């Protein structure tokens, strides 16, 4: 049994981040899902809270490794 996580640059700040490939918050850029790091989500949620907007919900485990059998490689 193994564990996996993806590592790439955050599409917002460019910092290297590790994440669960199917749970990480993302935005679509040119049709591709691009990950947003935990720090950027935190900053955005702080802004949204000040503005009275709905917060971005981060799924549990979004920034943690996952059992290799739980990854949806097509998703």
PDB file of N, CA and C in Angstrom:
ATOM      1  N   UNK A   1       0.843  -1.165   0.000  1.00  0.00           N
ATOM      2  CA  UNK A   1       0.000   0.000   0.000  1.00  0.00           C
ATOM      3  C   UNK A   1       0.895   1.236   0.000  1.00  0.00           C
ATOM      4  N   UNK A   2       0.474   2.262  -0.714  1.00  0.00           N
ATOM      5  CA  UNK A   2       1.238   3.493  -0.777  1.00  0.00           C
ATOM      6  C   UNK A   2       0.341   4.703  -0.610  1.00  0.00           C
ATOM      7  N   UNK A   3       0.981   5.823  -0.459  1.00  0.00           N
ATOM      8  CA  UNK A   3       0.273   7.093  -0.324  1.00  0.00           C
ATOM      9  C   UNK A   3       0.742   8.023  -1.427  1.00  0.00           C
ATOM     10  N   UNK A   4      -0.151   8.894  -1.864  1.00  0.00           N
ATOM     11  CA  UNK A   4       0.181   9.848  -2.913  1.00  0.00           C
ATOM     12  C   UNK A   4      -0.282  11.245  -2.516  1.00  0.00           C
ATOM     13  N   UNK A   5       0.382  12.213  -3.056  1.00  0.00           N
ATOM     14  CA  UNK A   5      -0.093  13.585  -3.033  1.00  0.00           C
ATOM     15  C   UNK A   5       0.551  14.281  -4.223  1.00  0.00           C
ATOM     16  N   UNK A   6      -0.105  15.286  -4.686  1.00  0.00           N
ATOM     17  CA  UNK A   6       0.404  16.052  -5.809  1.00  0.00           C
ATOM     18  C   UNK A   6       1.197  17.230  -5.256  1.00  0.00           C
ATOM     19  N   UNK A   7       2.139  17.672  -6.021  1.00  0.00           N
ATOM     20  CA  UNK A   7       2.904  18.865  -5.680  1.00  0.00           C
ATOM     21  C   UNK A   7       3.000  19.719  -6.933  1.00  0.00           C
ATOM     22  N   UNK A   8       2.610  20.971  -6.803  1.00  0.00           N
ATOM     23  CA  UNK A   8       2.731  21.913  -7.907  1.00  0.00           C
ATOM     24  C   UNK A   8       2.624  23.326  -7.362  1.00  0.00           C
ATOM     25  N   UNK A   9       2.755  24.282  -8.244  1.00  0.00           N
ATOM     26  CA  UNK A   9       2.646  25.684  -7.848  1.00  0.00           C
ATOM     27  C   UNK A   9       1.174  26.068  -7.696  1.00  0.00           C
ATOM     28  N   UNK A  10       0.895  26.873  -6.684  1.00  0.00           N
ATOM     29  CA  UNK A  10      -0.439  27.436  -6.504  1.00  0.00           C
ATOM     30  C   UNK A  10      -0.728  28.352  -7.690  1.00  0.00           C
ATOM     31  N   UNK A  11      -1.916  28.259  -8.254  1.00  0.00           N
ATOM     32  CA  UNK A  11      -2.250  29.080  -9.412  1.00  0.00           C
ATOM     33  C   UNK A  11      -2.428  30.553  -9.052  1.00  0.00           C
ATOM     34  N   UNK A  12      -2.517  30.860  -7.771  1.00  0.00           N
ATOM     35  CA  UNK A  12      -2.699  32.244  -7.345  1.00  0.00           C
ATOM     36  C   UNK A  12      -1.368  32.904  -6.982  1.00  0.00           C
ATOM     37  N   UNK A  13      -0.602  32.276  -6.070  1.00  0.00           N
ATOM     38  CA  UNK A  13       0.616  32.917  -5.559  1.00  0.00           C
ATOM     39  C   UNK A  13       1.902  32.330  -6.123  1.00  0.00           C
ATOM     40  N   UNK A  14       1.815  31.152  -6.736  1.00  0.00           N
ATOM     41  CA  UNK A  14       2.989  30.531  -7.324  1.00  0.00           C
ATOM     42  C   UNK A  14       3.838  29.709  -6.372  1.00  0.00           C
ATOM     43  N   UNK A  15       3.493  29.676  -5.085  1.00  0.00           N
ATOM     44  CA  UNK A  15       4.253  28.897  -4.115  1.00  0.00           C
ATOM     45  C   UNK A  15       4.004  27.405  -4.322  1.00  0.00           C
ATOM     46  N   UNK A  16       5.030  26.605  -4.096  1.00  0.00           N
ATOM     47  CA  UNK A  16       4.906  25.156  -4.191  1.00  0.00           C
ATOM     48  C   UNK A  16       3.979  24.666  -3.085  1.00  0.00           C
ATOM     49  N   UNK A  17       3.040  23.799  -3.434  1.00  0.00           N
ATOM     50  CA  UNK A  17       2.092  23.271  -2.460  1.00  0.00           C
ATOM     51  C   UNK A  17       1.852  21.796  -2.730  1.00  0.00           C
ATOM     52  N   UNK A  18       1.545  21.047  -1.680  1.00  0.00           N
ATOM     53  CA  UNK A  18       1.221  19.621  -1.789  1.00  0.00           C
ATOM     54  C   UNK A  18      -0.235  19.444  -1.423  1.00  0.00           C
ATOM     55  N   UNK A  19      -0.913  18.485  -2.079  1.00  0.00           N
ATOM     56  CA  UNK A  19      -2.354  18.366  -1.894  1.00  0.00           C
ATOM     57  C   UNK A  19      -2.891  17.026  -2.384  1.00  0.00           C
ATOM     58  N   UNK A  20      -4.103  16.721  -1.932  1.00  0.00           N
ATOM     59  CA  UNK A  20      -4.855  15.568  -2.413  1.00  0.00           C
ATOM     60  C   UNK A  20      -5.415  15.979  -3.776  1.00  0.00           C
ATOM     61  N   UNK A  21      -5.117  15.248  -4.825  1.00  0.00           N
ATOM     62  CA  UNK A  21      -5.485  15.694  -6.173  1.00  0.00           C
ATOM     63  C   UNK A  21      -6.985  15.816  -6.433  1.00  0.00           C
ATOM     64  N   UNK A  22      -7.818  15.110  -5.685  1.00  0.00           N
ATOM     65  CA  UNK A  22      -9.255  15.177  -5.932  1.00  0.00           C
ATOM     66  C   UNK A  22     -10.000  16.089  -4.965  1.00  0.00           C
ATOM     67  N   UNK A  23      -9.351  16.551  -3.910  1.00  0.00           N
ATOM     68  CA  UNK A  23     -10.048  17.357  -2.904  1.00  0.00           C
ATOM     69  C   UNK A  23      -9.586  18.811  -2.839  1.00  0.00           C
ATOM     70  N   UNK A  24      -8.419  19.110  -3.378  1.00  0.00           N
ATOM     71  CA  UNK A  24      -7.873  20.454  -3.263  1.00  0.00           C
ATOM     72  C   UNK A  24      -8.804  21.472  -3.935  1.00  0.00           C
ATOM     73  N   UNK A  25      -9.021  22.627  -3.293  1.00  0.00           N
ATOM     74  CA  UNK A  25      -9.771  23.682  -3.973  1.00  0.00           C
ATOM     75  C   UNK A  25      -9.014  24.104  -5.241  1.00  0.00           C
ATOM     76  N   UNK A  26      -9.751  24.355  -6.296  1.00  0.00           N
ATOM     77  CA  UNK A  26      -9.099  24.695  -7.554  1.00  0.00           C
ATOM     78  C   UNK A  26      -9.982  25.639  -8.363  1.00  0.00           C
ATOM     79  N   UNK A  27      -9.369  26.229  -9.374  1.00  0.00           N
ATOM     80  CA  UNK A  27     -10.116  27.015 -10.344  1.00  0.00           C
ATOM     81  C   UNK A  27      -9.740  26.495 -11.722  1.00  0.00           C
ATOM     82  N   UNK A  28     -10.609  26.725 -12.682  1.00  0.00           N
ATOM     83  CA  UNK A  28     -10.317  26.281 -14.047  1.00  0.00           C
ATOM     84  C   UNK A  28      -9.631  27.406 -14.806  1.00  0.00           C
ATOM     85  N   UNK A  29      -8.499  27.059 -15.394  1.00  0.00           N
ATOM     86  CA  UNK A  29      -7.756  27.979 -16.244  1.00  0.00           C
ATOM     87  C   UNK A  29      -7.523  27.252 -17.561  1.00  0.00           C
ATOM     88  N   UNK A  30      -8.049  27.805 -18.635  1.00  0.00           N
ATOM     89  CA  UNK A  30      -7.960  27.179 -19.962  1.00  0.00           C
ATOM     90  C   UNK A  30      -8.473  25.739 -19.928  1.00  0.00           C
ATOM     91  N   UNK A  31      -9.536  25.506 -19.166  1.00  0.00           N
ATOM     92  CA  UNK A  31     -10.165  24.194 -19.104  1.00  0.00           C
ATOM     93  C   UNK A  31      -9.526  23.204 -18.150  1.00  0.00           C
ATOM     94  N   UNK A  32      -8.426  23.562 -17.516  1.00  0.00           N
ATOM     95  CA  UNK A  32      -7.725  22.666 -16.597  1.00  0.00           C
ATOM     96  C   UNK A  32      -7.938  23.112 -15.163  1.00  0.00           C
ATOM     97  N   UNK A  33      -8.168  22.141 -14.267  1.00  0.00           N
ATOM     98  CA  UNK A  33      -8.236  22.453 -12.836  1.00  0.00           C
ATOM     99  C   UNK A  33      -6.842  22.799 -12.348  1.00  0.00           C
ATOM    100  N   UNK A  34      -6.718  23.945 -11.696  1.00  0.00           N
ATOM    101  CA  UNK A  34      -5.439  24.382 -11.144  1.00  0.00           C
ATOM    102  C   UNK A  34      -5.595  24.571  -9.640  1.00  0.00           C
ATOM    103  N   UNK A  35      -4.686  24.005  -8.836  1.00  0.00           N
ATOM    104  CA  UNK A  35      -4.826  24.040  -7.379  1.00  0.00           C
ATOM    105  C   UNK A  35      -4.583  25.421  -6.778  1.00  0.00           C
ATOM    106  N   UNK A  36      -5.278  25.681  -5.669  1.00  0.00           N
ATOM    107  CA  UNK A  36      -5.072  26.890  -4.876  1.00  0.00           C
ATOM    108  C   UNK A  36      -4.550  26.441  -3.515  1.00  0.00           C
ATOM    109  N   UNK A  37      -3.437  27.027  -3.066  1.00  0.00           N
ATOM    110  CA  UNK A  37      -2.810  26.590  -1.818  1.00  0.00           C
ATOM    111  C   UNK A  37      -3.648  26.981  -0.597  1.00  0.00           C
ATOM    112  N   UNK A  38      -3.345  26.340   0.507  1.00  0.00           N
ATOM    113  CA  UNK A  38      -4.072  26.559   1.756  1.00  0.00           C
ATOM    114  C   UNK A  38      -3.960  28.008   2.234  1.00  0.00           C
ATOM    115  N   UNK A  39      -2.782  28.609   2.087  1.00  0.00           N
ATOM    116  CA  UNK A  39      -2.588  29.998   2.531  1.00  0.00           C
ATOM    117  C   UNK A  39      -3.454  30.960   1.716  1.00  0.00           C
ATOM    118  N   UNK A  40      -3.556  30.745   0.412  1.00  0.00           N
ATOM    119  CA  UNK A  40      -4.389  31.619  -0.427  1.00  0.00           C
ATOM    120  C   UNK A  40      -5.870  31.448  -0.103  1.00  0.00           C
ATOM    121  N   UNK A  41      -6.294  30.210   0.158  1.00  0.00           N
ATOM    122  CA  UNK A  41      -7.696  29.976   0.548  1.00  0.00           C
ATOM    123  C   UNK A  41      -7.975  30.680   1.867  1.00  0.00           C
ATOM    124  N   UNK A  42      -7.042  30.602   2.807  1.00  0.00           N
ATOM    125  CA  UNK A  42      -7.232  31.262   4.099  1.00  0.00           C
ATOM    126  C   UNK A  42      -7.372  32.776   3.914  1.00  0.00           C
ATOM    127  N   UNK A  43      -6.485  33.369   3.112  1.00  0.00           N
ATOM    128  CA  UNK A  43      -6.565  34.817   2.867  1.00  0.00           C
ATOM    129  C   UNK A  43      -7.879  35.198   2.187  1.00  0.00           C
ATOM    130  N   UNK A  44      -8.279  34.401   1.214  1.00  0.00           N
ATOM    131  CA  UNK A  44      -9.528  34.696   0.503  1.00  0.00           C
ATOM    132  C   UNK A  44     -10.727  34.567   1.435  1.00  0.00           C
ATOM    133  N   UNK A  45     -10.725  33.551   2.290  1.00  0.00           N
ATOM    134  CA  UNK A  45     -11.832  33.397   3.236  1.00  0.00           C
ATOM    135  C   UNK A  45     -11.871  34.533   4.253  1.00  0.00           C
ATOM    136  N   UNK A  46     -10.715  35.027   4.653  1.00  0.00           N
ATOM    137  CA  UNK A  46     -10.695  36.188   5.554  1.00  0.00           C
ATOM    138  C   UNK A  46     -11.326  37.402   4.868  1.00  0.00           C
ATOM    139  N   UNK A  47     -10.995  37.608   3.589  1.00  0.00           N
ATOM    140  CA  UNK A  47     -11.593  38.701   2.822  1.00  0.00           C
ATOM    141  C   UNK A  47     -13.097  38.513   2.684  1.00  0.00           C
ATOM    142  N   UNK A  48     -13.504  37.292   2.340  1.00  0.00           N
ATOM    143  CA  UNK A  48     -14.931  37.008   2.170  1.00  0.00           C
ATOM    144  C   UNK A  48     -15.700  37.229   3.466  1.00  0.00           C
ATOM    145  N   UNK A  49     -15.100  36.832   4.581  1.00  0.00           N
ATOM    146  CA  UNK A  49     -15.765  37.019   5.868  1.00  0.00           C
ATOM    147  C   UNK A  49     -15.963  38.511   6.150  1.00  0.00           C
ATOM    148  N   UNK A  50     -14.936  39.317   5.901  1.00  0.00           N
ATOM    149  CA  UNK A  50     -15.057  40.769   6.098  1.00  0.00           C
ATOM    150  C   UNK A  50     -16.145  41.372   5.230  1.00  0.00           C
ATOM    151  N   UNK A  51     -16.286  40.840   4.013  1.00  0.00           N
ATOM    152  CA  UNK A  51     -17.249  41.362   3.047  1.00  0.00           C
ATOM    153  C   UNK A  51     -18.640  40.729   3.189  1.00  0.00           C
ATOM    154  N   UNK A  52     -18.762  39.769   4.100  1.00  0.00           N
ATOM    155  CA  UNK A  52     -20.044  39.099   4.299  1.00  0.00           C
ATOM    156  C   UNK A  52     -20.400  38.114   3.199  1.00  0.00           C
ATOM    157  N   UNK A  53     -19.391  37.616   2.506  1.00  0.00           N
ATOM    158  CA  UNK A  53     -19.603  36.654   1.423  1.00  0.00           C
ATOM    159  C   UNK A  53     -19.487  35.224   1.938  1.00  0.00           C
ATOM    160  N   UNK A  54     -20.000  34.301   1.154  1.00  0.00           N
ATOM    161  CA  UNK A  54     -19.912  32.877   1.493  1.00  0.00           C
ATOM    162  C   UNK A  54     -18.451  32.422   1.466  1.00  0.00           C
ATOM    163  N   UNK A  55     -18.055  31.637   2.471  1.00  0.00           N
ATOM    164  CA  UNK A  55     -16.678  31.143   2.561  1.00  0.00           C
ATOM    165  C   UNK A  55     -16.463  29.945   1.643  1.00  0.00           C
ATOM    166  N   UNK A  56     -15.227  29.767   1.221  1.00  0.00           N
ATOM    167  CA  UNK A  56     -14.837  28.584   0.465  1.00  0.00           C
ATOM    168  C   UNK A  56     -14.686  27.445   1.463  1.00  0.00           C
ATOM    169  N   UNK A  57     -15.380  26.350   1.221  1.00  0.00           N
ATOM    170  CA  UNK A  57     -15.301  25.189   2.102  1.00  0.00           C
ATOM    171  C   UNK A  57     -14.191  24.274   1.598  1.00  0.00           C
ATOM    172  N   UNK A  58     -13.241  24.009   2.468  1.00  0.00           N
ATOM    173  CA  UNK A  58     -12.134  23.108   2.125  1.00  0.00           C
ATOM    174  C   UNK A  58     -12.464  21.729   2.681  1.00  0.00           C
ATOM    175  N   UNK A  59     -12.456  20.739   1.811  1.00  0.00           N
ATOM    176  CA  UNK A  59     -12.760  19.373   2.215  1.00  0.00           C
ATOM    177  C   UNK A  59     -11.681  18.838   3.153  1.00  0.00           C
ATOM    178  N   UNK A  60     -12.072  18.081   4.181  1.00  0.00           N
ATOM    179  CA  UNK A  60     -11.067  17.459   5.059  1.00  0.00           C
ATOM    180  C   UNK A  60     -10.090  16.626   4.227  1.00  0.00           C
ATOM    181  N   UNK A  61      -8.822  16.765   4.506  1.00  0.00           N
ATOM    182  CA  UNK A  61      -7.801  15.995   3.799  1.00  0.00           C
ATOM    183  C   UNK A  61      -7.324  16.627   2.502  1.00  0.00           C
ATOM    184  N   UNK A  62      -7.796  17.806   2.175  1.00  0.00           N
ATOM    185  CA  UNK A  62      -7.448  18.438   0.898  1.00  0.00           C
ATOM    186  C   UNK A  62      -5.952  18.690   0.743  1.00  0.00           C
ATOM    187  N   UNK A  63      -5.253  18.874   1.842  1.00  0.00           N
ATOM    188  CA  UNK A  63      -3.823  19.158   1.788  1.00  0.00           C
ATOM    189  C   UNK A  63      -3.006  18.052   2.458  1.00  0.00           C
ATOM    190  N   UNK A  64      -3.558  16.831   2.466  1.00  0.00           N
ATOM    191  CA  UNK A  64      -2.908  15.677   3.093  1.00  0.00           C
ATOM    192  C   UNK A  64      -2.680  14.571   2.058  1.00  0.00           C
ATOM    193  N   UNK A  65      -1.686  13.694   2.285  1.00  0.00           N
ATOM    194  CA  UNK A  65      -1.515  12.525   1.418  1.00  0.00           C
ATOM    195  C   UNK A  65      -2.740  11.608   1.526  1.00  0.00           C
ATOM    196  N   UNK A  66      -2.937  10.774   0.535  1.00  0.00           N
ATOM    197  CA  UNK A  66      -4.092   9.883   0.490  1.00  0.00           C
ATOM    198  C   UNK A  66      -3.646   8.488   0.061  1.00  0.00           C
ATOM    199  N   UNK A  67      -4.378   7.484   0.529  1.00  0.00           N
ATOM    200  CA  UNK A  67      -4.130   6.110   0.099  1.00  0.00           C
ATOM    201  C   UNK A  67      -4.244   6.068  -1.427  1.00  0.00           C
ATOM    202  N   UNK A  68      -3.285   5.452  -2.066  1.00  0.00           N
ATOM    203  CA  UNK A  68      -3.243   5.432  -3.527  1.00  0.00           C
ATOM    204  C   UNK A  68      -4.508   4.849  -4.169  1.00  0.00           C
ATOM    205  N   UNK A  69      -5.220   3.999  -3.455  1.00  0.00           N
ATOM    206  CA  UNK A  69      -6.425   3.376  -3.997  1.00  0.00           C
ATOM    207  C   UNK A  69      -7.647   4.296  -3.934  1.00  0.00           C
ATOM    208  N   UNK A  70      -7.542   5.400  -3.218  1.00  0.00           N
ATOM    209  CA  UNK A  70      -8.665   6.322  -3.083  1.00  0.00           C
ATOM    210  C   UNK A  70      -8.628   7.456  -4.116  1.00  0.00           C
ATOM    211  N   UNK A  71      -7.596   7.519  -4.913  1.00  0.00           N
ATOM    212  CA  UNK A  71      -7.467   8.611  -5.871  1.00  0.00           C
ATOM    213  C   UNK A  71      -8.257   8.294  -7.139  1.00  0.00           C
ATOM    214  N   UNK A  72      -9.077   9.237  -7.551  1.00  0.00           N
ATOM    215  CA  UNK A  72      -9.787   9.147  -8.828  1.00  0.00           C
ATOM    216  C   UNK A  72      -8.893   9.792  -9.874  1.00  0.00           C
ATOM    217  N   UNK A  73      -8.143   9.001 -10.595  1.00  0.00           N
ATOM    218  CA  UNK A  73      -7.168   9.538 -11.540  1.00  0.00           C
ATOM    219  C   UNK A  73      -7.826  10.170 -12.755  1.00  0.00           C
ATOM    220  N   UNK A  74      -9.118   9.983 -12.913  1.00  0.00           N
ATOM    221  CA  UNK A  74      -9.843  10.588 -14.047  1.00  0.00           C
ATOM    222  C   UNK A  74     -10.566  11.867 -13.654  1.00  0.00           C
ATOM    223  N   UNK A  75     -10.579  12.210 -12.348  1.00  0.00           N
ATOM    224  CA  UNK A  75     -11.391  13.317 -11.869  1.00  0.00           C
ATOM    225  C   UNK A  75     -10.689  14.592 -11.772  1.00  0.00           C
TER     226      UNK A  75
END
